[in-house]
Amino acid sequence: MDAKYYSRFIKVLLCAGDALLIYISFILARYFAVFDGLEGDFYAFYLIFTFSWIAIGLFSFIYEVSKYSLIRSISINLFTALLLHLLLMNILLGYAHIFPINGAGLLAFYVITGIVMSISRVSYKLLWKFFEFSGFDLRKVVIVGTTRSGKALHEYFTSHHPSGYVFKGFFDNYPNPKIVSRRFVKGTIDDLIVFCQQENIDEIYFTLPLVHKDLLERLTKFADDNCIYFRIASDFSDVVTNSHEVFLYDTVAVSTTRKEPLGNGFNAGIKRVFDIVFSLIVIFFIFPFIIPVITMAIKLDSPGPLIFKQLRPGKRNKLFECYKFRTMRTNNSTEKMATKDDSRITRVGAFLRKTSLDELPQFVNVLLGSMSVVGPRPNMVSQLEEYSKTIKRYKVRHFVTPGITGYAQVNGCRGEIKEKGSMERRVDYDVAYLENWSLLLDLKIIFQTVQKIWSGDKQAY
């Protein structure tokens, strides 16, 4: 399941990392005078060396690395790539005479490169081990159905990767003791709902025959409403569509009910690291210049607190305190959405809302982990209560951390919600973001947000 989401990303990351490591090796080689007479051709040699290394590396599978790769296989592939590359460079230097480097100097450089590459691969594996055992990607799982596929999943969760999964039990109205021991059965399907809420379950695996369509719909709705990932490990012929993802846990086929890139711990980790770095850049390099001016303007314009705090539903519907610069006069209508020409909005507040500067304090929310730079905008509690009853996929948007800006906002869904259709459109964009997340999409949304702020958004009021 993991490789499906980020194997290509890992390859790109490792290729870029190797290019940087080779450059560092070149600097070290020059420092120790390994290369003589290469001053004018340094960068040309670096480019040829690097691109040929990546090409041979792809051929030698040195970029086929995951958290399950063995150190032995990684070392063999790396050593093979070094030998092939050394042979290629010897041909270029010995016969083509393109660069004035002697054999001893080249061999010394390969020793340096080999050491640097080995350290990088060992560090990569240690990072994976830390990530695996830190509990960041720890998932509590339950299985519906004492079937053969359920048994195989149970063996996978408890034997293969115990640090990634915590198996909590089987649930079945008619458990089969010949397949699964009764000591692993925690109760019936009705018991499952209460159990999931009490134990804060992360994933439900449905292994019963797909003839139980009513049960499937019931559990899917329950999982969506409680932000629990729902997987199907049975015959997929009647239910799988292009919007589903299908993976293999050994020989057991598992399907999701939608594409879920951020349901994967590694992707979620990448997004969290990006959020922290981005928010720190804003806090250290933008806050010192803008915050004092905004503070003075708000205080001179109207009496009241500088920061407006409001409880908003976040990831998995958990409430958090959302921060904004105060843009309205102090009032008791905090659950009433701002409208065009709203009399509550101050003069400074109108400018802050128009330029989105009122949301700058939310970078503190991002740093604390209650918000992300990009994600579905956090609605008010009253909106959650209202729209979750009438819009089918409304609660699905709460599978991910809410954002300062979002896919819906850059596509024109901002400002006052005058009708149900406006919210439905926002939900469609939010779910589309959830199903198609990538770091590149986040960067694109950030760029589009800056563009809208610069050009002026008519719906920002």
Protein backbone atom coordinates (compact mmCIF):
# COMPACT_ATOMS: atom_id res chain seq x y z
CA MET A 1 0.00 0.00 0.00
CA ASP A 2 2.80 2.43 0.88
CA ALA A 3 4.70 2.05 -2.40
CA LYS A 4 1.65 2.94 -4.46
CA TYR A 5 1.57 6.44 -3.03
CA TYR A 6 5.14 7.58 -2.77
CA SER A 7 7.56 5.26 -4.66
CA ARG A 8 7.89 7.77 -7.52
CA PHE A 9 8.34 10.62 -5.07
CA ILE A 10 11.09 8.70 -3.29
CA LYS A 11 12.89 8.10 -6.61
CA VAL A 12 12.82 11.80 -7.48
CA LEU A 13 13.96 12.71 -3.96
CA LEU A 14 16.84 10.22 -4.04
CA CYS A 15 17.95 11.37 -7.51
CA ALA A 16 18.01 14.99 -6.33
CA GLY A 17 19.81 13.91 -3.16
CA ASP A 18 22.45 12.03 -5.17
CA ALA A 19 23.05 15.10 -7.36
CA LEU A 20 23.67 17.14 -4.19
CA LEU A 21 25.88 14.43 -2.65
CA ILE A 22 27.98 14.19 -5.82
CA TYR A 23 28.45 17.95 -5.73
CA ILE A 24 29.58 17.70 -2.10
CA SER A 25 31.98 14.90 -3.11
CA PHE A 26 33.38 17.16 -5.85
CA ILE A 27 33.98 19.93 -3.34
CA LEU A 28 35.74 17.49 -0.99
CA ALA A 29 37.82 16.12 -3.87
CA ARG A 30 38.92 19.62 -4.85
CA TYR A 31 39.70 20.43 -1.22
CA PHE A 32 41.96 17.39 -0.93
CA ALA A 33 43.47 18.13 -4.39
CA VAL A 34 42.23 14.85 -5.87
CA PHE A 35 41.38 16.59 -9.14
CA ASP A 36 44.13 18.62 -10.80
CA GLY A 37 43.72 20.73 -13.91
CA LEU A 38 39.91 20.56 -13.92
CA GLU A 39 39.19 24.18 -12.93
CA GLY A 40 37.77 25.28 -16.30
CA ASP A 41 35.78 22.07 -16.90
CA PHE A 42 34.50 21.54 -13.35
CA TYR A 43 30.78 22.07 -13.96
CA ALA A 44 30.78 20.28 -17.34
CA PHE A 45 32.39 17.24 -15.73
CA TYR A 46 29.96 17.44 -12.80
CA LEU A 47 26.92 17.43 -15.10
CA ILE A 48 28.17 14.50 -17.20
CA PHE A 49 29.15 12.58 -14.07
CA THR A 50 25.80 13.24 -12.33
CA PHE A 51 23.45 12.48 -15.24
CA SER A 52 25.34 9.29 -16.13
CA TRP A 53 25.26 8.27 -12.45
CA ILE A 54 21.48 8.72 -12.24
CA ALA A 55 20.99 6.80 -15.52
CA ILE A 56 23.12 3.88 -14.32
CA GLY A 57 21.51 4.13 -10.89
CA LEU A 58 18.05 3.66 -12.39
CA PHE A 59 19.39 0.67 -14.36
CA SER A 60 20.98 -0.79 -11.21
CA PHE A 61 17.84 -0.26 -9.08
CA ILE A 62 19.61 1.88 -6.47
CA TYR A 63 16.52 4.09 -6.32
CA GLU A 64 14.17 1.16 -5.64
CA VAL A 65 14.38 1.80 -1.91
CA SER A 66 11.61 1.53 0.66
CA LYS A 67 11.37 1.02 4.39
CA TYR A 68 11.26 -2.74 3.72
CA SER A 69 14.47 -2.83 1.63
CA LEU A 70 17.34 -4.80 3.15
CA ILE A 71 20.71 -3.14 3.79
CA ARG A 72 22.37 -6.05 1.95
CA SER A 73 20.40 -5.55 -1.28
CA ILE A 74 20.87 -1.77 -1.12
CA SER A 75 24.65 -2.22 -0.70
CA ILE A 76 24.91 -4.69 -3.59
CA ASN A 77 22.96 -2.41 -5.94
CA LEU A 78 25.03 0.60 -4.88
CA PHE A 79 28.34 -1.25 -5.36
CA THR A 80 27.20 -2.45 -8.81
CA ALA A 81 26.29 1.09 -9.84
CA LEU A 82 29.69 2.40 -8.67
CA LEU A 83 31.56 -0.25 -10.71
CA LEU A 84 29.50 0.37 -13.86
CA HIS A 85 29.89 4.10 -13.53
CA LEU A 86 33.65 3.81 -12.91
CA LEU A 87 33.92 1.72 -16.09
CA LEU A 88 31.97 4.31 -18.09
CA MET A 89 34.04 7.23 -16.79
CA ASN A 90 37.28 5.34 -17.49
CA ILE A 91 36.17 4.95 -21.11
CA LEU A 92 35.43 8.68 -21.35
CA LEU A 93 38.70 9.67 -19.70
CA GLY A 94 40.98 6.96 -21.08
CA TYR A 95 39.83 6.83 -24.68
CA ALA A 96 37.90 10.01 -25.38
CA HIS A 97 40.34 12.22 -23.43
CA ILE A 98 37.53 14.68 -22.67
CA PHE A 99 38.75 15.66 -19.19
CA PRO A 100 42.34 15.79 -17.87
CA ILE A 101 41.96 13.47 -14.85
CA ASN A 102 44.34 10.63 -14.03
CA GLY A 103 43.20 7.17 -12.96
CA ALA A 104 44.45 7.49 -9.38
CA GLY A 105 42.57 10.74 -8.90
CA LEU A 106 39.38 9.24 -10.31
CA LEU A 107 39.68 6.16 -8.06
CA ALA A 108 40.20 8.37 -5.00
CA PHE A 109 37.13 10.36 -5.97
CA TYR A 110 35.06 7.17 -6.23
CA VAL A 111 36.17 6.20 -2.73
CA ILE A 112 34.89 9.55 -1.46
CA THR A 113 31.65 9.19 -3.46
CA GLY A 114 31.13 5.62 -2.26
CA ILE A 115 31.53 6.67 1.38
CA VAL A 116 29.14 9.62 0.98
CA MET A 117 26.54 7.50 -0.85
CA SER A 118 26.76 4.72 1.75
CA ILE A 119 26.28 7.18 4.59
CA SER A 120 23.24 8.65 2.82
CA ARG A 121 21.62 5.21 2.35
CA VAL A 122 22.27 4.19 5.96
CA SER A 123 20.86 7.53 7.14
CA TYR A 124 17.81 6.94 4.95
CA LYS A 125 17.19 3.54 6.54
CA LEU A 126 17.72 4.92 10.05
CA LEU A 127 15.24 7.70 9.26
CA TRP A 128 12.69 5.10 8.16
CA LYS A 129 13.27 3.10 11.33
CA PHE A 130 12.79 6.19 13.45
CA PHE A 131 9.66 7.10 11.50
CA GLU A 132 8.34 3.53 11.83
CA PHE A 133 8.92 3.14 15.56
CA SER A 134 8.08 6.70 16.59
CA GLY A 135 4.37 5.91 16.41
CA PHE A 136 3.64 8.70 13.91
CA ASP A 137 2.15 6.21 11.46
CA LEU A 138 0.57 3.96 14.10
CA ARG A 139 -2.92 2.86 13.04
CA LYS A 140 -5.55 1.08 15.14
CA VAL A 141 -7.48 -1.37 12.97
CA VAL A 142 -10.48 -3.68 13.27
CA ILE A 143 -11.75 -6.37 10.90
CA VAL A 144 -15.41 -6.99 10.06
CA GLY A 145 -15.93 -10.66 9.25
CA THR A 146 -14.23 -13.87 10.41
CA THR A 147 -13.40 -14.91 6.85
CA ARG A 148 -10.25 -16.28 5.20
CA SER A 149 -9.30 -12.84 3.93
CA GLY A 150 -9.95 -11.48 7.43
CA LYS A 151 -7.65 -14.11 8.89
CA ALA A 152 -4.95 -13.29 6.33
CA LEU A 153 -5.23 -9.60 7.20
CA HIS A 154 -4.97 -10.40 10.91
CA GLU A 155 -1.76 -12.34 10.26
CA TYR A 156 -0.43 -9.44 8.19
CA PHE A 157 -1.14 -6.87 10.90
CA THR A 158 0.24 -8.94 13.77
CA SER A 159 3.21 -10.68 12.09
CA HIS A 160 4.60 -8.54 9.26
CA HIS A 161 4.67 -4.96 10.50
CA PRO A 162 3.52 -4.78 14.11
CA SER A 163 4.99 -1.29 14.55
CA GLY A 164 2.69 0.16 11.88
CA TYR A 165 -0.61 -1.41 12.96
CA VAL A 166 -2.36 -2.14 16.22
CA PHE A 167 -4.94 -4.88 15.67
CA LYS A 168 -7.92 -4.38 17.99
CA GLY A 169 -10.21 -7.27 17.09
CA PHE A 170 -12.76 -9.00 14.83
CA PHE A 171 -16.47 -8.15 14.66
CA ASP A 172 -18.98 -10.57 13.24
CA ASN A 173 -22.62 -11.45 13.96
CA TYR A 174 -21.86 -15.10 13.17
CA PRO A 175 -18.16 -15.69 13.93
CA ASN A 176 -16.56 -18.78 12.43
CA PRO A 177 -14.38 -20.46 15.12
CA LYS A 178 -12.81 -22.73 12.48
CA ILE A 179 -11.15 -19.73 10.84
CA VAL A 180 -10.62 -17.29 13.71
CA SER A 181 -10.22 -18.04 17.39
CA ARG A 182 -13.06 -16.65 19.53
CA ARG A 183 -10.57 -14.81 21.74
CA PHE A 184 -9.94 -12.37 18.87
CA VAL A 185 -13.66 -11.65 18.35
CA LYS A 186 -14.70 -8.53 20.25
CA GLY A 187 -18.41 -8.55 19.43
CA THR A 188 -21.11 -8.14 16.81
CA ILE A 189 -21.48 -5.48 14.10
CA ASP A 190 -23.59 -3.38 16.49
CA ASP A 191 -20.77 -3.57 19.07
CA LEU A 192 -18.34 -2.32 16.41
CA ILE A 193 -19.79 1.20 16.29
CA VAL A 194 -19.43 1.79 20.03
CA PHE A 195 -16.02 0.10 20.08
CA CYS A 196 -14.63 2.32 17.29
CA GLN A 197 -15.71 5.47 19.08
CA GLN A 198 -14.33 4.34 22.44
CA GLU A 199 -11.00 3.05 21.10
CA ASN A 200 -10.47 5.84 18.53
CA ILE A 201 -10.09 3.34 15.67
CA ASP A 202 -8.31 4.59 12.53
CA GLU A 203 -9.22 1.93 9.92
CA ILE A 204 -12.04 -0.58 9.42
CA TYR A 205 -11.49 -3.59 7.10
CA PHE A 206 -14.63 -5.18 5.66
CA THR A 207 -14.03 -8.83 4.66
CA LEU A 208 -17.59 -10.16 4.44
CA PRO A 209 -19.16 -11.08 1.06
CA LEU A 210 -20.33 -8.05 -0.89
CA VAL A 211 -23.93 -9.24 -0.89
CA HIS A 212 -24.27 -7.33 2.39
CA LYS A 213 -24.87 -4.05 0.57
CA ASP A 214 -27.01 -2.48 3.29
CA LEU A 215 -24.34 -3.22 5.87
CA LEU A 216 -21.67 -1.81 3.56
CA GLU A 217 -23.59 1.45 3.16
CA ARG A 218 -24.26 1.66 6.90
CA LEU A 219 -20.61 1.14 7.86
CA THR A 220 -19.37 3.47 5.11
CA LYS A 221 -21.60 6.26 6.41
CA PHE A 222 -20.52 5.58 9.99
CA ALA A 223 -16.84 5.63 8.97
CA ASP A 224 -17.26 8.88 7.00
CA ASP A 225 -19.13 10.58 9.83
CA ASN A 226 -16.40 9.63 12.31
CA CYS A 227 -13.38 10.17 9.99
CA ILE A 228 -12.39 6.49 10.03
CA TYR A 229 -10.81 5.06 6.88
CA PHE A 230 -12.96 2.26 5.47
CA ARG A 231 -11.31 -0.58 3.49
CA ILE A 232 -12.91 -3.43 1.57
CA ALA A 233 -11.01 -6.73 1.42
CA SER A 234 -13.37 -8.92 -0.58
CA ASP A 235 -14.58 -9.50 -4.16
CA PHE A 236 -14.27 -6.08 -5.82
CA SER A 237 -16.06 -6.79 -9.09
CA ASP A 238 -19.33 -5.12 -8.02
CA VAL A 239 -17.96 -2.12 -6.16
CA VAL A 240 -14.60 -0.97 -7.56
CA THR A 241 -14.66 2.15 -9.76
CA ASN A 242 -11.98 4.54 -11.01
CA SER A 243 -12.33 6.54 -7.79
CA HIS A 244 -11.17 3.57 -5.67
CA GLU A 245 -7.63 2.52 -4.84
CA VAL A 246 -6.79 -1.20 -4.70
CA PHE A 247 -3.68 -2.52 -2.93
CA LEU A 248 -2.20 -5.85 -1.95
CA TYR A 249 -1.36 -6.81 1.62
CA ASP A 250 0.58 -9.93 0.66
CA THR A 251 -2.09 -11.91 -1.23
CA VAL A 252 -5.11 -10.04 0.17
CA ALA A 253 -6.69 -7.38 -2.08
CA VAL A 254 -7.82 -4.26 -0.19
CA SER A 255 -9.84 -1.38 -1.62
CA THR A 256 -10.55 2.12 -0.36
CA THR A 257 -13.87 3.89 -0.98
CA ARG A 258 -12.00 6.85 -2.50
CA LYS A 259 -8.46 7.96 -3.31
CA GLU A 260 -6.74 8.90 -0.04
CA PRO A 261 -3.16 10.18 -0.53
CA LEU A 262 -3.11 11.79 2.93
CA GLY A 263 -4.39 8.59 4.51
CA ASN A 264 -0.82 7.40 4.06
CA GLY A 265 1.49 8.26 6.96
CA PHE A 266 4.48 9.19 4.82
CA ASN A 267 2.51 11.67 2.72
CA ALA A 268 0.99 13.14 5.87
CA GLY A 269 4.51 13.48 7.29
CA ILE A 270 5.77 15.27 4.17
CA LYS A 271 2.84 17.69 4.33
CA ARG A 272 3.44 18.33 8.04
CA VAL A 273 7.15 19.08 7.49
CA PHE A 274 6.23 21.48 4.68
CA ASP A 275 3.69 23.20 6.96
CA ILE A 276 6.24 23.68 9.73
CA VAL A 277 8.94 25.04 7.41
CA PHE A 278 6.54 27.35 5.56
CA SER A 279 4.94 28.72 8.74
CA LEU A 280 8.35 29.34 10.35
CA ILE A 281 9.46 31.30 7.28
CA VAL A 282 6.33 33.46 7.50
CA ILE A 283 6.63 33.94 11.26
CA PHE A 284 10.33 34.87 11.25
CA PHE A 285 10.56 36.87 8.00
CA ILE A 286 7.10 38.45 7.54
CA PHE A 287 5.61 38.83 11.03
CA PRO A 288 8.27 41.27 12.35
CA PHE A 289 7.46 43.79 9.58
CA ILE A 290 3.67 43.44 9.30
CA ILE A 291 2.40 42.55 12.77
CA PRO A 292 3.38 45.84 14.51
CA VAL A 293 1.63 47.90 11.79
CA ILE A 294 -1.54 45.78 11.93
CA THR A 295 -1.55 45.84 15.73
CA MET A 296 -1.33 49.64 15.83
CA ALA A 297 -4.02 50.05 13.14
CA ILE A 298 -6.50 47.76 14.92
CA LYS A 299 -5.95 49.41 18.30
CA LEU A 300 -6.38 52.93 16.89
CA ASP A 301 -9.43 51.99 14.80
CA SER A 302 -11.72 50.42 17.43
CA PRO A 303 -11.67 49.18 21.03
CA GLY A 304 -11.40 45.48 21.71
CA PRO A 305 -8.92 42.59 21.66
CA LEU A 306 -6.26 42.30 18.96
CA ILE A 307 -6.87 38.61 18.26
CA PHE A 308 -10.28 37.04 17.62
CA LYS A 309 -10.49 33.43 18.82
CA GLN A 310 -13.23 31.03 17.83
CA LEU A 311 -13.74 27.29 18.21
CA ARG A 312 -13.83 25.59 14.81
CA PRO A 313 -14.17 21.90 13.88
CA GLY A 314 -10.88 20.55 12.55
CA LYS A 315 -9.54 17.17 11.52
CA ARG A 316 -11.88 14.35 12.56
CA ASN A 317 -14.36 17.02 13.77
CA LYS A 318 -12.17 17.86 16.77
CA LEU A 319 -12.65 21.44 17.95
CA PHE A 320 -9.67 23.79 18.02
CA GLU A 321 -9.19 27.48 18.76
CA CYS A 322 -8.78 29.30 15.43
CA TYR A 323 -6.91 32.63 15.54
CA LYS A 324 -7.58 35.72 13.41
CA PHE A 325 -6.94 39.44 13.71
CA ARG A 326 -10.12 41.09 14.94
CA THR A 327 -11.88 42.71 11.98
CA MET A 328 -15.26 43.47 13.60
CA ARG A 329 -16.50 45.58 16.45
CA THR A 330 -17.00 43.55 19.61
CA ASN A 331 -20.39 41.80 19.32
CA ASN A 332 -22.30 38.72 20.41
CA SER A 333 -22.95 37.38 16.89
CA THR A 334 -19.75 35.36 16.48
CA GLU A 335 -21.57 32.45 14.78
CA LYS A 336 -23.09 34.75 12.17
CA MET A 337 -21.16 34.70 8.89
CA ALA A 338 -19.89 38.02 7.51
CA THR A 339 -21.93 39.46 4.65
CA LYS A 340 -21.24 42.14 2.06
CA ASP A 341 -21.32 45.66 3.62
CA ASP A 342 -21.59 44.05 7.07
CA SER A 343 -22.00 46.86 9.62
CA ARG A 344 -19.95 44.93 12.18
CA ILE A 345 -16.75 45.17 10.09
CA THR A 346 -14.40 48.03 10.98
CA ARG A 347 -12.52 50.17 8.44
CA VAL A 348 -9.22 48.45 9.18
CA GLY A 349 -11.03 45.11 9.31
CA ALA A 350 -12.39 45.60 5.78
CA PHE A 351 -8.85 46.08 4.47
CA LEU A 352 -7.53 43.10 6.41
CA ARG A 353 -10.30 40.84 5.12
CA LYS A 354 -9.87 42.06 1.54
CA THR A 355 -6.16 41.28 1.61
CA SER A 356 -6.52 38.14 3.79
CA LEU A 357 -4.07 39.65 6.28
CA ASP A 358 -6.57 38.94 9.05
CA GLU A 359 -5.66 35.25 8.73
CA LEU A 360 -1.93 35.70 9.39
CA PRO A 361 -2.24 34.51 13.04
CA GLN A 362 -3.40 31.16 11.69
CA PHE A 363 0.24 30.38 10.88
CA VAL A 364 0.52 29.89 14.65
CA ASN A 365 -2.31 27.34 14.31
CA VAL A 366 -0.28 25.66 11.57
CA LEU A 367 2.80 25.51 13.79
CA LEU A 368 0.69 23.99 16.59
CA GLY A 369 -0.69 21.36 14.20
CA SER A 370 -4.37 22.30 14.38
CA MET A 371 -4.26 23.77 10.86
CA SER A 372 -2.33 23.30 7.63
CA VAL A 373 -1.16 25.90 5.11
CA VAL A 374 -3.45 24.31 2.49
CA GLY A 375 -6.64 22.39 3.19
CA PRO A 376 -10.42 22.80 3.48
CA ARG A 377 -11.25 26.06 5.22
CA PRO A 378 -12.48 25.46 8.81
CA ASN A 379 -16.19 26.27 8.94
CA MET A 380 -18.10 27.32 12.03
CA VAL A 381 -19.57 24.79 14.44
CA SER A 382 -23.09 25.86 13.45
CA GLN A 383 -22.28 25.12 9.79
CA LEU A 384 -21.01 21.65 10.68
CA GLU A 385 -24.25 20.91 12.50
CA GLU A 386 -26.40 22.28 9.66
CA TYR A 387 -24.69 21.01 6.51
CA SER A 388 -23.62 17.58 7.78
CA LYS A 389 -27.31 16.68 7.85
CA THR A 390 -28.12 17.82 4.30
CA ILE A 391 -24.89 17.50 2.25
CA LYS A 392 -23.86 13.88 1.73
CA ARG A 393 -20.06 14.24 1.72
CA TYR A 394 -19.77 17.25 4.02
CA LYS A 395 -18.03 15.36 6.85
CA VAL A 396 -15.56 13.77 4.42
CA ARG A 397 -13.73 17.13 4.23
CA HIS A 398 -12.81 16.62 7.90
CA PHE A 399 -10.57 13.67 7.10
CA VAL A 400 -7.75 16.18 6.62
CA THR A 401 -6.43 19.14 8.60
CA PRO A 402 -8.16 22.44 7.72
CA GLY A 403 -6.10 25.05 5.90
CA ILE A 404 -5.43 28.78 5.76
CA THR A 405 -6.21 28.58 2.06
CA GLY A 406 -7.80 25.82 0.03
CA TYR A 407 -8.69 24.37 -3.35
CA ALA A 408 -12.24 25.70 -3.05
CA GLN A 409 -11.08 29.25 -2.26
CA VAL A 410 -8.79 29.57 -5.30
CA ASN A 411 -11.65 28.31 -7.47
CA GLY A 412 -14.00 31.12 -6.47
CA CYS A 413 -15.72 29.53 -3.46
CA ARG A 414 -15.15 32.25 -0.89
CA GLY A 415 -17.21 34.72 1.07
CA GLU A 416 -20.86 34.60 2.06
CA ILE A 417 -22.83 31.38 1.61
CA LYS A 418 -26.25 32.44 0.38
CA GLU A 419 -27.62 29.04 -0.59
CA LYS A 420 -27.02 25.34 -0.03
CA GLY A 421 -25.61 24.95 -3.56
CA SER A 422 -22.69 27.24 -2.71
CA MET A 423 -21.65 25.01 0.16
CA GLU A 424 -22.11 21.87 -1.95
CA ARG A 425 -19.71 23.33 -4.51
CA ARG A 426 -17.15 24.02 -1.77
CA VAL A 427 -17.50 20.48 -0.45
CA ASP A 428 -16.93 19.08 -3.97
CA TYR A 429 -13.68 21.03 -4.25
CA ASP A 430 -12.60 20.02 -0.73
CA VAL A 431 -13.20 16.33 -1.44
CA ALA A 432 -11.41 16.68 -4.80
CA TYR A 433 -8.42 18.11 -2.92
CA LEU A 434 -8.51 15.24 -0.43
CA GLU A 435 -8.56 12.68 -3.27
CA ASN A 436 -5.87 14.32 -5.41
CA TRP A 437 -3.45 15.78 -2.88
CA SER A 438 0.19 16.24 -3.81
CA LEU A 439 2.89 18.63 -2.64
CA LEU A 440 2.82 20.16 -6.12
CA LEU A 441 -0.93 20.83 -5.77
CA ASP A 442 -0.30 22.58 -2.43
CA LEU A 443 2.34 24.81 -4.04
CA LYS A 444 -0.02 25.58 -6.93
CA ILE A 445 -2.82 26.58 -4.53
CA ILE A 446 -0.44 28.82 -2.54
CA PHE A 447 0.70 30.53 -5.75
CA GLN A 448 -2.91 31.03 -6.89
CA THR A 449 -3.82 32.43 -3.46
CA VAL A 450 -1.03 35.02 -3.66
CA GLN A 451 -2.21 35.93 -7.15
CA LYS A 452 -5.77 36.47 -5.94
CA ILE A 453 -4.63 38.59 -2.99
CA TRP A 454 -2.45 40.72 -5.29
CA SER A 455 -5.15 41.21 -7.94
CA GLY A 456 -7.99 41.54 -5.41
CA ASP A 457 -10.73 39.01 -4.74
CA LYS A 458 -14.25 40.42 -5.16
CA GLN A 459 -15.62 37.74 -2.82
CA ALA A 460 -13.26 38.69 0.01
CA TYR A 461 -15.32 40.71 2.50
